[in-house]
Amino acid sequence: MTKFPLILSVAALTSLPIFMSVNKNLYAQEPTEPPEEELMEAPELPEAPENCTYLQEVSTREIEIRKVVRTGNQNTDFVVPSGSNFTSYIPQLLAENNAEYRIRVFFKFSDGSSASVFQNTLAMERFERVADEFQSPSERQPFQINFNVNSARNNAYRVSVLGCE
């Protein structure tokens, strides 16, 4: 029991301002400008151009899908409505991290075949959106557009696809 008061006494002593500055010329610094605020949320999906419409993702029917990179989570399919007569498609990817993203886009056809229309690794900035326009290489109407995205685990991104007439 004699050690306990000693520990409290040492703790109390170390909290006292024993050492004081001898430099009398110290002044408080002027406040600096606060750092520029970084966007905390992803920007909204831009409106579709007049002759285009956003395609819906196969399972959720959402027009923009947010994903976090995990094993087996690379693919996202968008439905091309039957009877549509799109002449081009605009896949879009919005990065949520400063990272490299390996992006592949495929057109899937009703006969079970597919065509790769884009394959590249892009170094992207947070909330940077990339998009490009593609036509069907076979001039056939695809029934789905497949996005295959890979990056370092836990990087996030958003994908969407426009069909344009």
C-alpha atoms as a PDB file:
ATOM      1  CA  MET A   1       0.000   0.000   0.000  1.00  0.00           C
ATOM      2  CA  THR A   2       2.933   2.349   0.400  1.00  0.00           C
ATOM      3  CA  LYS A   3       3.729   2.176  -3.361  1.00  0.00           C
ATOM      4  CA  PHE A   4       0.332   3.507  -4.412  1.00  0.00           C
ATOM      5  CA  PRO A   5       0.664   7.028  -2.902  1.00  0.00           C
ATOM      6  CA  LEU A   6       4.192   7.229  -4.322  1.00  0.00           C
ATOM      7  CA  ILE A   7       2.924   6.568  -7.845  1.00  0.00           C
ATOM      8  CA  LEU A   8       0.239   9.202  -7.437  1.00  0.00           C
ATOM      9  CA  SER A   9       2.792  11.673  -6.135  1.00  0.00           C
ATOM     10  CA  VAL A  10       5.122  11.092  -9.099  1.00  0.00           C
ATOM     11  CA  ALA A  11       2.202  11.396 -11.524  1.00  0.00           C
ATOM     12  CA  ALA A  12       1.083  14.618  -9.871  1.00  0.00           C
ATOM     13  CA  LEU A  13       4.606  16.054  -9.987  1.00  0.00           C
ATOM     14  CA  THR A  14       5.112  15.263 -13.669  1.00  0.00           C
ATOM     15  CA  SER A  15       1.938  17.130 -14.567  1.00  0.00           C
ATOM     16  CA  LEU A  16       3.157  20.377 -12.981  1.00  0.00           C
ATOM     17  CA  PRO A  17       4.671  23.010 -15.290  1.00  0.00           C
ATOM     18  CA  ILE A  18       8.165  22.865 -13.769  1.00  0.00           C
ATOM     19  CA  PHE A  19      10.078  23.775 -16.925  1.00  0.00           C
ATOM     20  CA  MET A  20       9.186  27.194 -18.241  1.00  0.00           C
ATOM     21  CA  SER A  21      10.446  28.770 -21.430  1.00  0.00           C
ATOM     22  CA  VAL A  22      13.121  31.389 -20.938  1.00  0.00           C
ATOM     23  CA  ASN A  23      12.658  32.824 -24.428  1.00  0.00           C
ATOM     24  CA  LYS A  24      10.509  35.924 -23.947  1.00  0.00           C
ATOM     25  CA  ASN A  25      10.327  36.607 -27.727  1.00  0.00           C
ATOM     26  CA  LEU A  26       7.922  33.788 -28.530  1.00  0.00           C
ATOM     27  CA  TYR A  27       4.734  34.891 -30.264  1.00  0.00           C
ATOM     28  CA  ALA A  28       1.660  33.019 -31.340  1.00  0.00           C
ATOM     29  CA  GLN A  29       1.646  32.281 -35.045  1.00  0.00           C
ATOM     30  CA  GLU A  30      -0.907  33.901 -37.290  1.00  0.00           C
ATOM     31  CA  PRO A  31      -3.678  31.472 -38.162  1.00  0.00           C
ATOM     32  CA  THR A  32      -3.181  29.871 -41.552  1.00  0.00           C
ATOM     33  CA  GLU A  33      -5.831  29.278 -44.178  1.00  0.00           C
ATOM     34  CA  PRO A  34      -7.655  26.015 -43.581  1.00  0.00           C
ATOM     35  CA  PRO A  35      -6.737  23.309 -46.071  1.00  0.00           C
ATOM     36  CA  GLU A  36      -8.900  23.120 -49.156  1.00  0.00           C
ATOM     37  CA  GLU A  37     -11.819  20.831 -48.426  1.00  0.00           C
ATOM     38  CA  GLU A  38     -11.598  17.509 -50.174  1.00  0.00           C
ATOM     39  CA  LEU A  39     -14.775  16.121 -51.680  1.00  0.00           C
ATOM     40  CA  MET A  40     -16.174  13.665 -49.179  1.00  0.00           C
ATOM     41  CA  GLU A  41     -18.825  12.184 -51.454  1.00  0.00           C
ATOM     42  CA  ALA A  42     -18.701  11.075 -55.046  1.00  0.00           C
ATOM     43  CA  PRO A  43     -20.189  13.505 -57.550  1.00  0.00           C
ATOM     44  CA  GLU A  44     -23.612  12.646 -58.894  1.00  0.00           C
ATOM     45  CA  LEU A  45     -24.025  10.739 -62.114  1.00  0.00           C
ATOM     46  CA  PRO A  46     -24.242  13.223 -65.009  1.00  0.00           C
ATOM     47  CA  GLU A  47     -27.511  13.511 -66.908  1.00  0.00           C
ATOM     48  CA  ALA A  48     -27.772  11.312 -69.972  1.00  0.00           C
ATOM     49  CA  PRO A  49     -27.349  13.113 -73.312  1.00  0.00           C
ATOM     50  CA  GLU A  50     -30.566  13.600 -75.284  1.00  0.00           C
ATOM     51  CA  ASN A  51     -30.138  10.527 -77.504  1.00  0.00           C
ATOM     52  CA  CYS A  52     -28.830   8.231 -74.731  1.00  0.00           C
ATOM     53  CA  THR A  53     -30.292   6.343 -71.788  1.00  0.00           C
ATOM     54  CA  TYR A  54     -28.652   4.737 -68.762  1.00  0.00           C
ATOM     55  CA  LEU A  55     -28.788   0.951 -68.780  1.00  0.00           C
ATOM     56  CA  GLN A  56     -29.829  -0.947 -65.654  1.00  0.00           C
ATOM     57  CA  GLU A  57     -27.593  -3.391 -63.811  1.00  0.00           C
ATOM     58  CA  VAL A  58     -28.841  -6.987 -64.135  1.00  0.00           C
ATOM     59  CA  SER A  59     -29.715  -7.838 -60.517  1.00  0.00           C
ATOM     60  CA  THR A  60     -30.459  -4.479 -58.850  1.00  0.00           C
ATOM     61  CA  ARG A  61     -31.891  -2.540 -61.814  1.00  0.00           C
ATOM     62  CA  GLU A  62     -29.848   0.446 -60.611  1.00  0.00           C
ATOM     63  CA  ILE A  63     -28.190   2.663 -63.239  1.00  0.00           C
ATOM     64  CA  GLU A  64     -25.002   3.199 -61.230  1.00  0.00           C
ATOM     65  CA  ILE A  65     -23.356   0.481 -59.173  1.00  0.00           C
ATOM     66  CA  ARG A  66     -20.811   1.068 -56.411  1.00  0.00           C
ATOM     67  CA  LYS A  67     -18.375  -1.745 -55.743  1.00  0.00           C
ATOM     68  CA  VAL A  68     -15.452  -2.407 -53.432  1.00  0.00           C
ATOM     69  CA  VAL A  69     -12.695  -4.565 -54.923  1.00  0.00           C
ATOM     70  CA  ARG A  70     -12.728  -8.063 -53.448  1.00  0.00           C
ATOM     71  CA  THR A  71     -11.885 -11.499 -54.778  1.00  0.00           C
ATOM     72  CA  GLY A  72     -14.591 -12.665 -57.169  1.00  0.00           C
ATOM     73  CA  ASN A  73     -16.281  -9.250 -57.261  1.00  0.00           C
ATOM     74  CA  GLN A  74     -14.895  -7.881 -60.542  1.00  0.00           C
ATOM     75  CA  ASN A  75     -17.872  -8.239 -62.896  1.00  0.00           C
ATOM     76  CA  THR A  76     -20.912  -6.016 -63.302  1.00  0.00           C
ATOM     77  CA  ASP A  77     -23.441  -6.637 -66.081  1.00  0.00           C
ATOM     78  CA  PHE A  78     -25.829  -4.077 -67.538  1.00  0.00           C
ATOM     79  CA  VAL A  79     -28.935  -5.123 -69.507  1.00  0.00           C
ATOM     80  CA  VAL A  80     -29.505  -3.865 -73.036  1.00  0.00           C
ATOM     81  CA  PRO A  81     -33.323  -3.762 -73.325  1.00  0.00           C
ATOM     82  CA  SER A  82     -34.712  -6.062 -76.012  1.00  0.00           C
ATOM     83  CA  GLY A  83     -35.987  -4.210 -79.044  1.00  0.00           C
ATOM     84  CA  SER A  84     -33.567  -1.328 -78.492  1.00  0.00           C
ATOM     85  CA  ASN A  85     -31.618  -0.006 -81.440  1.00  0.00           C
ATOM     86  CA  PHE A  86     -28.532   1.509 -79.855  1.00  0.00           C
ATOM     87  CA  THR A  87     -25.695   2.385 -82.206  1.00  0.00           C
ATOM     88  CA  SER A  88     -23.119   2.984 -79.473  1.00  0.00           C
ATOM     89  CA  TYR A  89     -22.494   2.470 -75.771  1.00  0.00           C
ATOM     90  CA  ILE A  90     -20.660   4.662 -73.263  1.00  0.00           C
ATOM     91  CA  PRO A  91     -19.282   2.779 -70.243  1.00  0.00           C
ATOM     92  CA  GLN A  92     -18.271   5.088 -67.366  1.00  0.00           C
ATOM     93  CA  LEU A  93     -16.109   4.421 -64.333  1.00  0.00           C
ATOM     94  CA  LEU A  94     -15.706   6.738 -61.351  1.00  0.00           C
ATOM     95  CA  ALA A  95     -12.724   5.964 -59.104  1.00  0.00           C
ATOM     96  CA  GLU A  96     -13.174   6.524 -55.376  1.00  0.00           C
ATOM     97  CA  ASN A  97      -9.470   6.131 -54.576  1.00  0.00           C
ATOM     98  CA  ASN A  98      -6.194   7.357 -56.021  1.00  0.00           C
ATOM     99  CA  ALA A  99      -5.156   4.052 -57.537  1.00  0.00           C
ATOM    100  CA  GLU A 100      -4.606   1.980 -60.638  1.00  0.00           C
ATOM    101  CA  TYR A 101      -7.716   0.305 -62.001  1.00  0.00           C
ATOM    102  CA  ARG A 102      -7.583  -2.505 -64.562  1.00  0.00           C
ATOM    103  CA  ILE A 103     -10.686  -2.009 -66.681  1.00  0.00           C
ATOM    104  CA  ARG A 104     -12.145  -4.375 -69.258  1.00  0.00           C
ATOM    105  CA  VAL A 105     -15.426  -3.946 -71.102  1.00  0.00           C
ATOM    106  CA  PHE A 106     -17.154  -6.744 -73.018  1.00  0.00           C
ATOM    107  CA  PHE A 107     -20.241  -6.879 -75.203  1.00  0.00           C
ATOM    108  CA  LYS A 108     -22.171 -10.111 -74.558  1.00  0.00           C
ATOM    109  CA  PHE A 109     -24.361 -11.534 -77.314  1.00  0.00           C
ATOM    110  CA  SER A 110     -27.420 -13.784 -77.105  1.00  0.00           C
ATOM    111  CA  ASP A 111     -25.615 -16.648 -78.902  1.00  0.00           C
ATOM    112  CA  GLY A 112     -23.183 -16.946 -75.954  1.00  0.00           C
ATOM    113  CA  SER A 113     -20.311 -15.127 -77.662  1.00  0.00           C
ATOM    114  CA  SER A 114     -18.691 -11.944 -76.403  1.00  0.00           C
ATOM    115  CA  ALA A 115     -16.416  -9.240 -77.761  1.00  0.00           C
ATOM    116  CA  SER A 116     -13.789  -7.293 -75.842  1.00  0.00           C
ATOM    117  CA  VAL A 117     -14.097  -3.587 -76.660  1.00  0.00           C
ATOM    118  CA  PHE A 118     -11.742  -2.098 -74.054  1.00  0.00           C
ATOM    119  CA  GLN A 119      -8.870  -3.330 -71.934  1.00  0.00           C
ATOM    120  CA  ASN A 120      -6.464  -1.009 -70.133  1.00  0.00           C
ATOM    121  CA  THR A 121      -4.984  -0.161 -66.744  1.00  0.00           C
ATOM    122  CA  LEU A 122      -5.513   3.460 -65.770  1.00  0.00           C
ATOM    123  CA  ALA A 123      -3.928   5.423 -62.927  1.00  0.00           C
ATOM    124  CA  MET A 124      -6.886   7.389 -61.620  1.00  0.00           C
ATOM    125  CA  GLU A 125      -7.462  10.167 -59.124  1.00  0.00           C
ATOM    126  CA  ARG A 126     -10.165  10.090 -56.471  1.00  0.00           C
ATOM    127  CA  PHE A 127     -13.564  10.941 -58.002  1.00  0.00           C
ATOM    128  CA  GLU A 128     -12.143  11.048 -61.538  1.00  0.00           C
ATOM    129  CA  ARG A 129     -14.670   9.786 -64.091  1.00  0.00           C
ATOM    130  CA  VAL A 130     -13.560   8.132 -67.330  1.00  0.00           C
ATOM    131  CA  ALA A 131     -15.815   7.266 -70.237  1.00  0.00           C
ATOM    132  CA  ASP A 132     -15.466   6.239 -73.855  1.00  0.00           C
ATOM    133  CA  GLU A 133     -17.872   5.440 -76.663  1.00  0.00           C
ATOM    134  CA  PHE A 134     -17.901   2.021 -78.339  1.00  0.00           C
ATOM    135  CA  GLN A 135     -19.819   0.456 -81.191  1.00  0.00           C
ATOM    136  CA  SER A 136     -20.509  -3.237 -81.509  1.00  0.00           C
ATOM    137  CA  PRO A 137     -17.580  -4.767 -83.408  1.00  0.00           C
ATOM    138  CA  SER A 138     -19.932  -7.279 -85.060  1.00  0.00           C
ATOM    139  CA  GLU A 139     -22.713  -4.743 -85.728  1.00  0.00           C
ATOM    140  CA  ARG A 140     -25.011  -7.030 -83.695  1.00  0.00           C
ATOM    141  CA  GLN A 141     -26.958  -5.681 -80.749  1.00  0.00           C
ATOM    142  CA  PRO A 142     -25.484  -7.025 -77.478  1.00  0.00           C
ATOM    143  CA  PHE A 143     -27.882  -8.165 -74.771  1.00  0.00           C
ATOM    144  CA  GLN A 144     -25.507  -7.172 -71.940  1.00  0.00           C
ATOM    145  CA  ILE A 145     -22.525  -4.904 -71.375  1.00  0.00           C
ATOM    146  CA  ASN A 146     -20.015  -6.388 -68.924  1.00  0.00           C
ATOM    147  CA  PHE A 147     -17.654  -4.269 -66.825  1.00  0.00           C
ATOM    148  CA  ASN A 148     -14.701  -6.143 -65.340  1.00  0.00           C
ATOM    149  CA  VAL A 149     -12.737  -3.961 -62.901  1.00  0.00           C
ATOM    150  CA  ASN A 150      -9.812  -4.917 -60.717  1.00  0.00           C
ATOM    151  CA  SER A 151      -7.587  -2.910 -58.400  1.00  0.00           C
ATOM    152  CA  ALA A 152      -5.965  -3.228 -55.004  1.00  0.00           C
ATOM    153  CA  ARG A 153      -8.285  -4.833 -52.465  1.00  0.00           C
ATOM    154  CA  ASN A 154     -10.745  -2.424 -50.797  1.00  0.00           C
ATOM    155  CA  ASN A 155     -10.466   0.269 -53.478  1.00  0.00           C
ATOM    156  CA  ALA A 156     -13.938   1.418 -54.470  1.00  0.00           C
ATOM    157  CA  TYR A 157     -15.433   2.557 -57.748  1.00  0.00           C
ATOM    158  CA  ARG A 158     -18.755   3.214 -59.475  1.00  0.00           C
ATOM    159  CA  VAL A 159     -19.768   1.998 -62.927  1.00  0.00           C
ATOM    160  CA  SER A 160     -22.574   2.888 -65.318  1.00  0.00           C
ATOM    161  CA  VAL A 161     -23.319   2.418 -69.017  1.00  0.00           C
ATOM    162  CA  LEU A 162     -25.199   4.597 -71.482  1.00  0.00           C
ATOM    163  CA  GLY A 163     -26.880   3.178 -74.581  1.00  0.00           C
ATOM    164  CA  CYS A 164     -27.100   5.753 -77.392  1.00  0.00           C
ATOM    165  CA  GLU A 165     -29.137   5.878 -80.620  1.00  0.00           C
END
